[in-house]
Structures are given as structure tokens and as C-alpha cells.
Protein backbone atom coordinates (compact mmCIF):
# COMPACT_ATOMS: atom_id res chain seq x y z
CA MET A 1 43.74 73.91 39.65
CA ALA A 2 46.53 73.33 37.17
CA SER A 3 49.46 71.24 38.28
CA THR A 4 52.98 72.41 37.72
CA THR A 5 55.38 69.93 36.23
CA MET A 6 59.11 70.11 36.67
CA GLY A 7 59.48 71.13 33.04
CA ASP A 8 57.68 74.39 33.78
CA VAL A 9 59.78 75.37 36.79
CA LEU A 10 63.33 75.77 35.53
CA PRO A 11 64.12 77.10 32.07
CA THR A 12 66.46 75.38 29.67
CA GLY A 13 68.13 76.43 26.46
CA GLY A 14 67.34 79.91 25.21
CA ARG A 15 64.61 80.40 27.82
CA VAL A 16 67.42 80.99 30.34
CA PHE A 17 67.82 84.44 28.76
CA THR A 18 64.15 85.32 29.30
CA SER A 19 63.41 84.23 32.87
CA ILE A 20 63.95 86.70 35.66
CA PRO A 21 66.22 84.94 38.13
CA ASP A 22 68.27 83.34 35.36
CA LEU A 23 68.69 86.60 33.49
CA PHE A 24 70.90 87.66 36.42
CA PHE A 25 73.57 85.20 35.23
CA ILE A 26 74.83 87.85 32.80
CA PRO A 27 75.50 90.65 35.33
CA GLU A 28 76.92 88.05 37.74
CA PHE A 29 79.44 87.11 35.03
CA VAL A 30 80.26 90.70 34.20
CA PHE A 31 80.64 92.12 37.72
CA GLY A 32 82.25 88.97 39.12
CA GLY A 33 84.78 88.93 36.29
CA LEU A 34 85.49 92.63 36.80
CA VAL A 35 86.16 92.07 40.51
CA TRP A 36 88.58 89.31 39.61
CA MET A 37 90.39 91.45 37.02
CA LEU A 38 90.51 94.64 39.10
CA VAL A 39 91.84 92.93 42.22
CA ALA A 40 94.39 90.98 40.19
CA SER A 41 95.59 94.13 38.40
CA ALA A 42 95.85 96.08 41.67
CA GLY A 43 97.87 93.33 43.32
CA ALA A 44 96.62 91.05 46.05
CA ALA A 45 98.34 92.65 49.01
CA PRO A 46 97.72 92.19 51.92
CA GLU A 47 97.44 88.52 51.10
CA ASN A 48 94.92 87.36 53.69
CA PRO A 49 91.82 89.45 52.88
CA MET A 50 92.73 89.94 49.24
CA GLY A 51 93.29 86.21 48.84
CA TRP A 52 89.73 85.67 50.11
CA VAL A 53 88.42 88.23 47.61
CA MET A 54 90.28 86.49 44.78
CA PHE A 55 89.02 83.07 45.90
CA VAL A 56 85.42 84.27 46.04
CA SER A 57 85.54 86.03 42.67
CA ILE A 58 87.20 83.10 40.88
CA PHE A 59 85.08 80.44 42.63
CA CYS A 60 81.81 82.23 41.92
CA PHE A 61 82.82 83.01 38.33
CA VAL A 62 83.67 79.37 37.62
CA MET A 63 80.63 77.97 39.47
CA THR A 64 78.26 80.46 37.83
CA THR A 65 79.68 79.50 34.44
CA LEU A 66 79.14 75.82 35.23
CA TRP A 67 75.65 76.53 36.60
CA PHE A 68 74.77 78.59 33.51
CA PHE A 69 75.83 75.81 31.14
CA ILE A 70 73.90 73.23 33.16
CA PHE A 71 70.79 75.38 32.70
CA LEU A 72 71.58 76.10 29.06
CA CYS A 73 72.05 72.41 28.20
CA GLY A 74 68.89 71.35 30.04
CA CYS A 75 70.56 69.14 32.64
CA ASN A 76 68.46 70.76 35.39
CA ARG A 77 65.38 68.55 35.08
CA SER A 78 65.52 66.86 38.50
CA SER A 79 63.15 67.99 41.25
CA SER A 80 66.09 68.97 43.46
CA TRP A 81 67.42 71.66 41.09
CA PRO A 82 65.25 74.57 42.32
CA ALA A 83 66.53 74.02 45.88
CA LEU A 84 70.11 73.63 44.65
CA ASP A 85 69.73 76.87 42.70
CA VAL A 86 68.64 78.74 45.83
CA GLY A 87 71.38 77.11 47.90
CA TYR A 88 74.18 77.94 45.49
CA HIS A 89 73.12 81.55 45.03
CA PHE A 90 72.70 81.99 48.80
CA VAL A 91 76.25 80.73 49.38
CA ALA A 92 77.55 82.98 46.59
CA THR A 93 75.74 85.96 48.15
CA VAL A 94 77.23 85.32 51.59
CA PHE A 95 80.70 84.78 50.10
CA TYR A 96 80.51 87.96 48.03
CA LEU A 97 79.18 90.00 50.95
CA GLY A 98 82.12 88.88 53.10
CA ALA A 99 84.56 89.58 50.28
CA SER A 100 83.01 93.00 49.62
CA VAL A 101 83.32 94.07 53.25
CA ALA A 102 86.94 92.90 53.41
CA LEU A 103 87.74 94.65 50.14
CA ALA A 104 86.10 97.88 51.30
CA PHE A 105 88.09 97.76 54.56
CA ILE A 106 91.37 97.29 52.69
CA THR A 107 90.43 100.13 50.33
CA VAL A 108 89.83 102.46 53.27
CA LEU A 109 93.23 101.52 54.70
CA VAL A 110 94.91 102.10 51.32
CA GLY A 111 93.19 105.50 51.07
CA GLN A 112 94.40 106.50 54.53
CA GLY A 113 97.93 105.42 53.66
CA LEU A 114 97.74 107.36 50.41
CA ALA A 115 96.60 110.49 52.25
CA ALA A 116 99.56 110.19 54.60
CA LEU A 117 101.94 109.70 51.65
CA ALA A 118 100.57 112.76 49.85
CA LEU A 119 101.55 114.95 52.81
CA ASP A 120 105.18 113.80 52.73
CA PRO A 121 107.21 116.11 50.47
CA GLU A 122 109.98 113.54 50.05
CA VAL A 123 107.77 110.95 48.36
CA ASP A 124 108.58 110.29 44.72
CA PRO A 125 105.78 111.71 42.49
CA PHE A 126 105.88 108.60 40.28
CA PHE A 127 105.32 106.38 43.32
CA LEU A 128 102.43 108.58 44.42
CA ARG A 129 100.80 108.35 40.95
CA GLU A 130 101.11 104.56 41.01
CA ALA A 131 99.65 104.42 44.54
CA ARG A 132 96.69 106.57 43.40
CA LYS A 133 96.16 104.26 40.41
CA ILE A 134 96.05 101.21 42.70
CA TYR A 135 93.67 103.04 45.04
CA LYS A 136 91.32 103.79 42.13
CA LEU A 137 91.46 100.13 41.08
CA HIS A 138 90.50 99.16 44.64
CA ILE A 139 87.57 101.59 44.60
CA ALA A 140 86.32 100.18 41.30
CA ALA A 141 86.71 96.62 42.64
CA VAL A 142 84.66 97.51 45.74
CA VAL A 143 81.84 98.94 43.61
CA MET A 144 81.84 95.90 41.29
CA SER A 145 81.95 93.54 44.26
CA TYR A 146 78.91 95.12 45.88
CA LEU A 147 77.08 95.06 42.53
CA ALA A 148 77.91 91.35 42.17
CA THR A 149 76.61 90.83 45.72
CA LEU A 150 73.40 92.64 44.81
CA PHE A 151 72.81 90.52 41.70
CA TYR A 152 73.55 87.26 43.54
CA PHE A 153 71.15 88.38 46.28
CA MET A 154 68.38 89.18 43.78
CA HIS A 155 69.01 85.84 42.05
CA THR A 156 68.67 84.10 45.43
CA ILE A 157 65.39 85.85 46.25
CA PHE A 158 63.78 85.20 42.88
CA SER A 159 65.05 81.59 42.84
CA ALA A 160 63.54 81.06 46.30
CA ILE A 161 60.21 82.40 45.06
CA ARG A 162 60.42 80.05 42.06
CA TRP A 163 61.35 77.13 44.34
CA LYS A 164 58.36 77.77 46.65
CA ARG A 165 56.04 77.84 43.63
CA SER A 166 57.25 74.47 42.38
């Protein structure tokens, strides 16, 4: 039976782009960054749930960037790194799931408010166009947020499998 050394468990350098759980860094960057940009461009109102969504998207974007560079530079040689990898991605998954649900709820409320505004003949058409634009930004942010959640979840699962093999 061949023994597995720590050098075989976690990739470093360019091998980060070829291993399955670590390949998910790229879509996590893309979809997490899009959530951040879409929510920021739509305006973070109401502040409480949208503030949470902004915190999660910025926190996970920064931490994933840091995590990616740690892997890229080869600083992940300790035996605790596979467990830390699973732990971080699990926390990111839970955070993003909570943010996605909150964002979807706010988007539903915005859509209901928009439907009520559309029925009012005294509403300024320019205001209605801007409200529709914000609603579409919210919809796009919800989709990107759930995609980010999916990729963090898959990263967690595959990292856990890698951790159990080590």
C-alpha cells in the first residue's frame, strides 16, 4: 500500500488550476465578484439584509483571494491545511446560502412593490423605468449568489473528500 505524503494532498503553483476542488476558485471569484457589483450598483437598501449580503460577498471574495494565493504560492504544506480548506469553504457556503435567501426575499418584496407601482397611473414613467432596472439587478444578483453558493458547496464537498483521503 502506497503512503500519501502531504505534498501529494494539496496542490501548489500551477497545479491549483488542474485539481478539481481548487479549480472552483475561478467561478467563486467570478460569481462572488458579480454579487458584490450587482448589489452595490442596485443600492443596499434596506440596509439590514443587504448589508449582510454585501458583507458576505466582500468577505468571501477577499478570503478566497487570500486562500487562492496561499495555494498558489505553496504555503499550504502543513498537515492542517486540508481541514482548514474544508472549514473555510463550509463557512463560506453557509454564509452565501444565508445571503442568497435574504437577497431573494428582498427581490420578491421589490418585485411586489414594483407591481403595485405599475398599476398607479400617477407614477412617473422615468421612476418606473429606474425601479425596473433595480429589480433586474436584484434578480441577477440572486442568480449569481445562488451560483456562488453552489460552487462553494461543491468546493466544500470535494475538499472534504480530499481531506478524508489524506
